[in-house]
N, C-alpha and C. Protein backbone atom coordinates (compact mmCIF):
# COMPACT_ATOMS: atom_id res chain seq x y z
N UNK A 1 9.72 -21.04 1.27
CA UNK A 1 8.72 -20.03 1.62
C UNK A 1 9.24 -18.69 1.05
N UNK A 2 8.37 -18.00 0.30
CA UNK A 2 8.70 -16.71 -0.25
C UNK A 2 8.29 -15.64 0.78
N UNK A 3 9.20 -14.67 0.98
CA UNK A 3 8.95 -13.61 2.01
C UNK A 3 9.00 -12.26 1.34
N UNK A 4 8.03 -11.42 1.72
CA UNK A 4 8.00 -10.02 1.31
C UNK A 4 8.79 -9.21 2.39
N UNK A 5 9.81 -8.49 1.94
CA UNK A 5 10.66 -7.73 2.89
C UNK A 5 10.15 -6.31 2.94
N UNK A 6 9.91 -5.86 4.16
CA UNK A 6 9.50 -4.50 4.46
C UNK A 6 10.53 -3.87 5.35
N UNK A 7 11.08 -2.75 4.95
CA UNK A 7 12.11 -2.05 5.75
C UNK A 7 11.55 -0.73 6.20
N UNK A 8 11.63 -0.47 7.50
CA UNK A 8 11.18 0.83 8.07
C UNK A 8 12.45 1.65 8.15
N UNK A 9 12.50 2.73 7.33
CA UNK A 9 13.71 3.53 7.22
C UNK A 9 13.34 4.90 6.69
N UNK A 10 14.27 5.81 6.87
CA UNK A 10 14.04 7.17 6.42
C UNK A 10 14.23 7.22 4.89
N UNK A 11 13.78 8.28 4.25
CA UNK A 11 13.98 8.44 2.81
C UNK A 11 15.46 8.49 2.49
N UNK A 12 16.22 9.17 3.33
CA UNK A 12 17.67 9.28 3.11
C UNK A 12 18.30 7.89 3.08
N UNK A 13 17.93 7.00 4.01
CA UNK A 13 18.50 5.64 4.06
C UNK A 13 18.03 4.86 2.87
N UNK A 14 16.75 5.02 2.46
CA UNK A 14 16.25 4.32 1.31
C UNK A 14 17.01 4.70 0.02
N UNK A 15 17.20 6.00 -0.25
CA UNK A 15 17.91 6.39 -1.43
C UNK A 15 19.40 6.01 -1.38
N UNK A 16 19.96 6.04 -0.21
CA UNK A 16 21.36 5.54 -0.05
C UNK A 16 21.48 4.08 -0.40
N UNK A 17 20.51 3.29 0.05
CA UNK A 17 20.56 1.85 -0.25
C UNK A 17 20.37 1.62 -1.78
N UNK A 18 19.39 2.32 -2.35
CA UNK A 18 19.16 2.14 -3.81
C UNK A 18 20.40 2.53 -4.56
N UNK A 19 21.03 3.59 -4.18
CA UNK A 19 22.27 4.06 -4.84
C UNK A 19 23.34 2.98 -4.77
N UNK A 20 23.51 2.42 -3.60
CA UNK A 20 24.49 1.34 -3.38
C UNK A 20 24.22 0.16 -4.28
N UNK A 21 22.94 -0.26 -4.30
CA UNK A 21 22.52 -1.43 -5.11
C UNK A 21 22.80 -1.18 -6.61
N UNK A 22 22.45 0.05 -7.06
CA UNK A 22 22.65 0.35 -8.48
C UNK A 22 24.17 0.40 -8.76
N UNK A 23 24.91 0.99 -7.85
CA UNK A 23 26.39 1.06 -8.04
C UNK A 23 26.99 -0.35 -8.11
N UNK A 24 26.47 -1.29 -7.31
CA UNK A 24 27.01 -2.61 -7.27
C UNK A 24 26.50 -3.44 -8.46
N UNK A 25 25.52 -2.92 -9.23
CA UNK A 25 25.00 -3.59 -10.37
C UNK A 25 24.03 -4.72 -10.00
N UNK A 26 23.46 -4.65 -8.84
CA UNK A 26 22.51 -5.74 -8.39
C UNK A 26 21.19 -5.51 -9.11
N UNK A 27 20.48 -6.53 -9.33
CA UNK A 27 19.26 -6.53 -10.12
C UNK A 27 18.04 -5.92 -9.38
N UNK A 28 16.90 -6.46 -9.62
CA UNK A 28 15.65 -5.97 -9.11
C UNK A 28 15.60 -5.87 -7.59
N UNK A 29 15.18 -4.75 -7.09
CA UNK A 29 15.10 -4.53 -5.65
C UNK A 29 13.78 -5.11 -5.15
N UNK A 30 13.88 -6.03 -4.23
CA UNK A 30 12.65 -6.77 -3.82
C UNK A 30 12.29 -6.39 -2.34
N UNK A 31 11.98 -5.17 -2.08
CA UNK A 31 11.50 -4.79 -0.78
C UNK A 31 10.61 -3.56 -0.83
N UNK A 32 9.84 -3.38 0.23
CA UNK A 32 8.98 -2.21 0.34
C UNK A 32 9.60 -1.31 1.42
N UNK A 33 9.80 -0.08 1.19
CA UNK A 33 10.35 0.85 2.14
C UNK A 33 9.24 1.71 2.77
N UNK A 34 9.14 1.71 4.06
CA UNK A 34 8.15 2.48 4.78
C UNK A 34 8.86 3.44 5.69
N UNK A 35 8.38 4.70 5.80
CA UNK A 35 9.07 5.77 6.51
C UNK A 35 9.07 5.63 8.02
N UNK A 36 8.07 4.99 8.64
CA UNK A 36 8.01 4.88 10.06
C UNK A 36 7.11 3.75 10.48
N UNK A 37 7.25 3.31 11.73
CA UNK A 37 6.41 2.22 12.25
C UNK A 37 4.93 2.71 12.27
N UNK A 38 4.69 3.99 12.52
CA UNK A 38 3.33 4.54 12.57
C UNK A 38 2.72 4.40 11.15
N UNK A 39 3.52 4.74 10.12
CA UNK A 39 3.03 4.61 8.76
C UNK A 39 2.72 3.15 8.41
N UNK A 40 3.59 2.25 8.83
CA UNK A 40 3.36 0.80 8.57
C UNK A 40 2.08 0.38 9.25
N UNK A 41 1.79 0.85 10.48
CA UNK A 41 0.55 0.53 11.14
C UNK A 41 -0.70 1.08 10.40
N UNK A 42 -0.57 2.26 9.79
CA UNK A 42 -1.68 2.82 9.02
C UNK A 42 -1.89 2.03 7.70
N UNK A 43 -0.84 1.42 7.15
CA UNK A 43 -0.91 0.66 5.92
C UNK A 43 -1.47 -0.74 6.21
N UNK A 44 -0.85 -1.43 7.12
CA UNK A 44 -1.27 -2.83 7.42
C UNK A 44 -2.20 -2.88 8.62
N UNK A 45 -3.41 -2.35 8.42
CA UNK A 45 -4.45 -2.41 9.40
C UNK A 45 -4.92 -3.85 9.57
N UNK A 46 -5.59 -4.12 10.67
CA UNK A 46 -6.13 -5.52 10.80
C UNK A 46 -6.99 -5.91 9.63
N UNK A 47 -7.81 -5.02 9.14
CA UNK A 47 -8.69 -5.36 7.98
C UNK A 47 -7.87 -5.68 6.67
N UNK A 48 -6.84 -4.90 6.48
CA UNK A 48 -5.97 -5.13 5.27
C UNK A 48 -5.16 -6.41 5.45
N UNK A 49 -4.71 -6.69 6.67
CA UNK A 49 -3.98 -7.93 6.92
C UNK A 49 -4.90 -9.12 6.69
N UNK A 50 -6.11 -9.01 7.15
CA UNK A 50 -7.13 -10.08 6.89
C UNK A 50 -7.37 -10.19 5.36
N UNK A 51 -7.43 -9.10 4.66
CA UNK A 51 -7.65 -9.14 3.21
C UNK A 51 -6.49 -9.93 2.58
N UNK A 52 -5.25 -9.65 2.94
CA UNK A 52 -4.13 -10.36 2.37
C UNK A 52 -4.21 -11.86 2.69
N UNK A 53 -4.61 -12.17 3.92
CA UNK A 53 -4.76 -13.60 4.33
C UNK A 53 -5.80 -14.26 3.47
N UNK A 54 -6.96 -13.66 3.24
CA UNK A 54 -8.03 -14.24 2.47
C UNK A 54 -7.58 -14.40 1.03
N UNK A 55 -6.88 -13.45 0.43
CA UNK A 55 -6.43 -13.56 -0.92
C UNK A 55 -5.44 -14.72 -1.06
N UNK A 56 -4.52 -14.85 -0.10
CA UNK A 56 -3.54 -15.93 -0.13
C UNK A 56 -4.21 -17.28 0.06
N UNK A 57 -5.09 -17.39 0.98
CA UNK A 57 -5.73 -18.73 1.32
C UNK A 57 -6.76 -19.14 0.32
N UNK A 58 -7.63 -18.19 -0.09
CA UNK A 58 -8.76 -18.59 -0.92
C UNK A 58 -8.66 -18.29 -2.41
N UNK A 59 -7.64 -17.50 -2.80
CA UNK A 59 -7.39 -17.16 -4.21
C UNK A 59 -8.70 -16.78 -4.92
N UNK A 60 -9.36 -15.71 -4.52
CA UNK A 60 -10.58 -15.26 -5.10
C UNK A 60 -10.37 -14.90 -6.60
N UNK A 61 -11.42 -15.15 -7.38
CA UNK A 61 -11.30 -14.90 -8.84
C UNK A 61 -11.62 -13.48 -9.22
N UNK A 62 -11.98 -12.62 -8.25
CA UNK A 62 -12.29 -11.20 -8.54
C UNK A 62 -12.31 -10.43 -7.23
N UNK A 63 -12.28 -9.15 -7.35
CA UNK A 63 -12.38 -8.30 -6.15
C UNK A 63 -13.78 -8.45 -5.55
N UNK A 64 -14.81 -8.64 -6.37
CA UNK A 64 -16.18 -8.81 -5.86
C UNK A 64 -16.24 -10.09 -5.01
N UNK A 65 -15.62 -11.19 -5.49
CA UNK A 65 -15.62 -12.42 -4.69
C UNK A 65 -14.88 -12.20 -3.39
N UNK A 66 -13.79 -11.48 -3.40
CA UNK A 66 -13.03 -11.15 -2.22
C UNK A 66 -13.86 -10.38 -1.23
N UNK A 67 -14.59 -9.36 -1.71
CA UNK A 67 -15.47 -8.58 -0.86
C UNK A 67 -16.54 -9.49 -0.17
N UNK A 68 -17.09 -10.43 -0.93
CA UNK A 68 -18.05 -11.35 -0.38
C UNK A 68 -17.46 -12.23 0.70
N UNK A 69 -16.27 -12.75 0.44
CA UNK A 69 -15.59 -13.64 1.44
C UNK A 69 -15.24 -12.82 2.73
N UNK A 70 -14.98 -11.52 2.56
CA UNK A 70 -14.59 -10.71 3.70
C UNK A 70 -15.87 -10.18 4.41
N UNK A 71 -17.02 -10.23 3.73
CA UNK A 71 -18.23 -9.64 4.30
C UNK A 71 -18.16 -8.12 4.36
N UNK A 72 -17.48 -7.52 3.37
CA UNK A 72 -17.30 -6.06 3.38
C UNK A 72 -17.83 -5.49 2.06
N UNK A 73 -18.06 -4.20 2.07
CA UNK A 73 -18.57 -3.45 0.95
C UNK A 73 -17.52 -3.50 -0.21
N UNK A 74 -18.02 -3.75 -1.43
CA UNK A 74 -17.15 -3.84 -2.60
C UNK A 74 -16.23 -2.67 -2.76
N UNK A 75 -16.80 -1.42 -2.68
CA UNK A 75 -15.95 -0.25 -2.90
C UNK A 75 -14.83 -0.14 -1.92
N UNK A 76 -15.09 -0.42 -0.62
CA UNK A 76 -14.03 -0.34 0.40
C UNK A 76 -12.94 -1.44 0.12
N UNK A 77 -13.34 -2.60 -0.27
CA UNK A 77 -12.41 -3.65 -0.57
C UNK A 77 -11.60 -3.26 -1.82
N UNK A 78 -12.27 -2.75 -2.84
CA UNK A 78 -11.56 -2.30 -4.02
C UNK A 78 -10.55 -1.22 -3.74
N UNK A 79 -10.92 -0.26 -2.89
CA UNK A 79 -9.98 0.80 -2.52
C UNK A 79 -8.78 0.21 -1.78
N UNK A 80 -8.98 -0.75 -0.89
CA UNK A 80 -7.89 -1.38 -0.16
C UNK A 80 -6.98 -2.16 -1.08
N UNK A 81 -7.60 -2.88 -2.00
CA UNK A 81 -6.78 -3.69 -2.99
C UNK A 81 -5.90 -2.79 -3.82
N UNK A 82 -6.48 -1.71 -4.37
CA UNK A 82 -5.72 -0.79 -5.23
C UNK A 82 -4.57 -0.17 -4.38
N UNK A 83 -4.87 0.19 -3.15
CA UNK A 83 -3.88 0.83 -2.26
C UNK A 83 -2.73 -0.21 -1.99
N UNK A 84 -3.11 -1.41 -1.63
CA UNK A 84 -2.07 -2.42 -1.35
C UNK A 84 -1.25 -2.80 -2.58
N UNK A 85 -1.90 -2.78 -3.73
CA UNK A 85 -1.11 -3.06 -4.95
C UNK A 85 -0.16 -1.92 -5.25
N UNK A 86 -0.58 -0.67 -5.05
CA UNK A 86 0.32 0.47 -5.31
C UNK A 86 1.56 0.40 -4.45
N UNK A 87 1.38 -0.03 -3.20
CA UNK A 87 2.53 -0.09 -2.27
C UNK A 87 3.38 -1.32 -2.55
N UNK A 88 2.79 -2.38 -3.03
CA UNK A 88 3.53 -3.59 -3.34
C UNK A 88 3.21 -4.80 -2.49
N UNK A 89 2.09 -4.76 -1.77
CA UNK A 89 1.74 -5.91 -0.94
C UNK A 89 0.90 -6.97 -1.69
N UNK A 90 0.38 -6.61 -2.83
CA UNK A 90 -0.33 -7.63 -3.64
C UNK A 90 -0.28 -7.21 -5.12
N UNK A 91 -0.61 -8.17 -5.99
CA UNK A 91 -0.63 -7.90 -7.43
C UNK A 91 -2.04 -7.99 -7.93
N UNK A 92 -2.35 -7.28 -9.00
CA UNK A 92 -3.64 -7.36 -9.64
C UNK A 92 -3.41 -7.83 -11.06
N UNK A 93 -4.07 -8.92 -11.43
CA UNK A 93 -3.93 -9.49 -12.79
C UNK A 93 -5.34 -9.32 -13.44
N UNK A 94 -5.35 -8.89 -14.71
CA UNK A 94 -6.55 -8.75 -15.45
C UNK A 94 -6.84 -10.09 -16.15
N UNK A 95 -8.04 -10.62 -15.88
CA UNK A 95 -8.51 -11.87 -16.50
C UNK A 95 -9.92 -11.54 -17.12
N UNK A 96 -9.87 -11.26 -18.40
CA UNK A 96 -11.14 -10.82 -19.05
C UNK A 96 -11.48 -9.44 -18.50
N UNK A 97 -12.69 -9.30 -18.01
CA UNK A 97 -13.13 -8.06 -17.44
C UNK A 97 -12.85 -7.92 -15.98
N UNK A 98 -12.33 -8.98 -15.36
CA UNK A 98 -12.13 -9.04 -13.89
C UNK A 98 -10.70 -8.69 -13.51
N UNK A 99 -10.55 -8.03 -12.37
CA UNK A 99 -9.27 -7.81 -11.78
C UNK A 99 -9.14 -8.90 -10.65
N UNK A 100 -8.10 -9.69 -10.73
CA UNK A 100 -7.88 -10.75 -9.77
C UNK A 100 -6.70 -10.46 -8.87
N UNK A 101 -6.99 -10.32 -7.53
CA UNK A 101 -5.93 -10.03 -6.62
C UNK A 101 -5.09 -11.27 -6.33
N UNK A 102 -3.78 -11.10 -6.22
CA UNK A 102 -2.86 -12.19 -5.92
C UNK A 102 -1.84 -11.78 -4.90
N UNK A 103 -1.54 -12.68 -3.96
CA UNK A 103 -0.47 -12.51 -3.02
C UNK A 103 0.53 -13.67 -3.29
N UNK A 104 1.74 -13.29 -3.72
CA UNK A 104 2.70 -14.29 -4.18
C UNK A 104 3.83 -14.56 -3.19
N UNK A 105 3.57 -14.30 -1.91
CA UNK A 105 4.53 -14.53 -0.83
C UNK A 105 3.79 -15.23 0.30
N UNK A 106 4.57 -15.74 1.26
CA UNK A 106 4.00 -16.53 2.40
C UNK A 106 4.15 -15.76 3.70
N UNK A 107 5.04 -14.81 3.79
CA UNK A 107 5.24 -14.05 5.06
C UNK A 107 5.74 -12.70 4.78
N UNK A 108 5.60 -11.80 5.76
CA UNK A 108 6.13 -10.45 5.65
C UNK A 108 7.21 -10.34 6.73
N UNK A 109 8.44 -10.03 6.28
CA UNK A 109 9.55 -9.80 7.17
C UNK A 109 9.79 -8.36 7.33
N UNK A 110 9.52 -7.84 8.55
CA UNK A 110 9.70 -6.40 8.78
C UNK A 110 11.02 -6.12 9.52
N UNK A 111 11.79 -5.26 8.87
CA UNK A 111 13.10 -4.86 9.46
C UNK A 111 13.01 -3.41 9.88
N UNK A 112 13.36 -3.09 11.11
CA UNK A 112 13.35 -1.74 11.59
C UNK A 112 14.84 -1.38 11.73
N UNK A 113 15.23 -0.30 10.94
CA UNK A 113 16.62 0.09 10.98
C UNK A 113 16.94 0.89 12.26
N UNK A 114 18.09 0.53 12.85
CA UNK A 114 18.52 1.24 14.02
C UNK A 114 19.96 1.77 13.67
N UNK A 115 20.18 3.06 13.82
CA UNK A 115 21.47 3.60 13.52
C UNK A 115 21.79 3.60 12.05
N UNK A 116 22.98 3.12 11.70
CA UNK A 116 23.44 3.11 10.31
C UNK A 116 22.67 2.06 9.47
N UNK A 117 22.65 2.29 8.15
CA UNK A 117 21.93 1.38 7.28
C UNK A 117 22.52 -0.01 7.35
N UNK A 118 21.67 -0.99 6.99
CA UNK A 118 22.06 -2.38 7.04
C UNK A 118 23.07 -2.76 5.94
N UNK A 119 23.27 -1.92 4.97
CA UNK A 119 24.19 -2.25 3.84
C UNK A 119 25.63 -1.87 4.18
N UNK A 120 25.89 -1.26 5.31
CA UNK A 120 27.31 -0.89 5.69
C UNK A 120 28.00 -2.08 6.28
């Protein structure tokens, strides 16, 4: 099972972790950093969580098809898809003239940092 890692942390902790990973020579960083639980709640609204579920389960061939499956307005779904792609919760692939949303993980693992960073 592939898991998307989300870490709730301050910018200072994020940059410290990135610096440590670069210093250690580790490769691609595979997580999304969110500044607060409140911000995470604004990002992963129930509608956006459902959108991710539908993309994963039904693999729509376009954003228009996704909007139809969700029973939502195309523009609102398009805006959510672009937003979620920018943050890293889904990918958009171009197939001809269509943009195809894809979710390449099975679960979201949310870590909330308490005190010192997890890399210490």
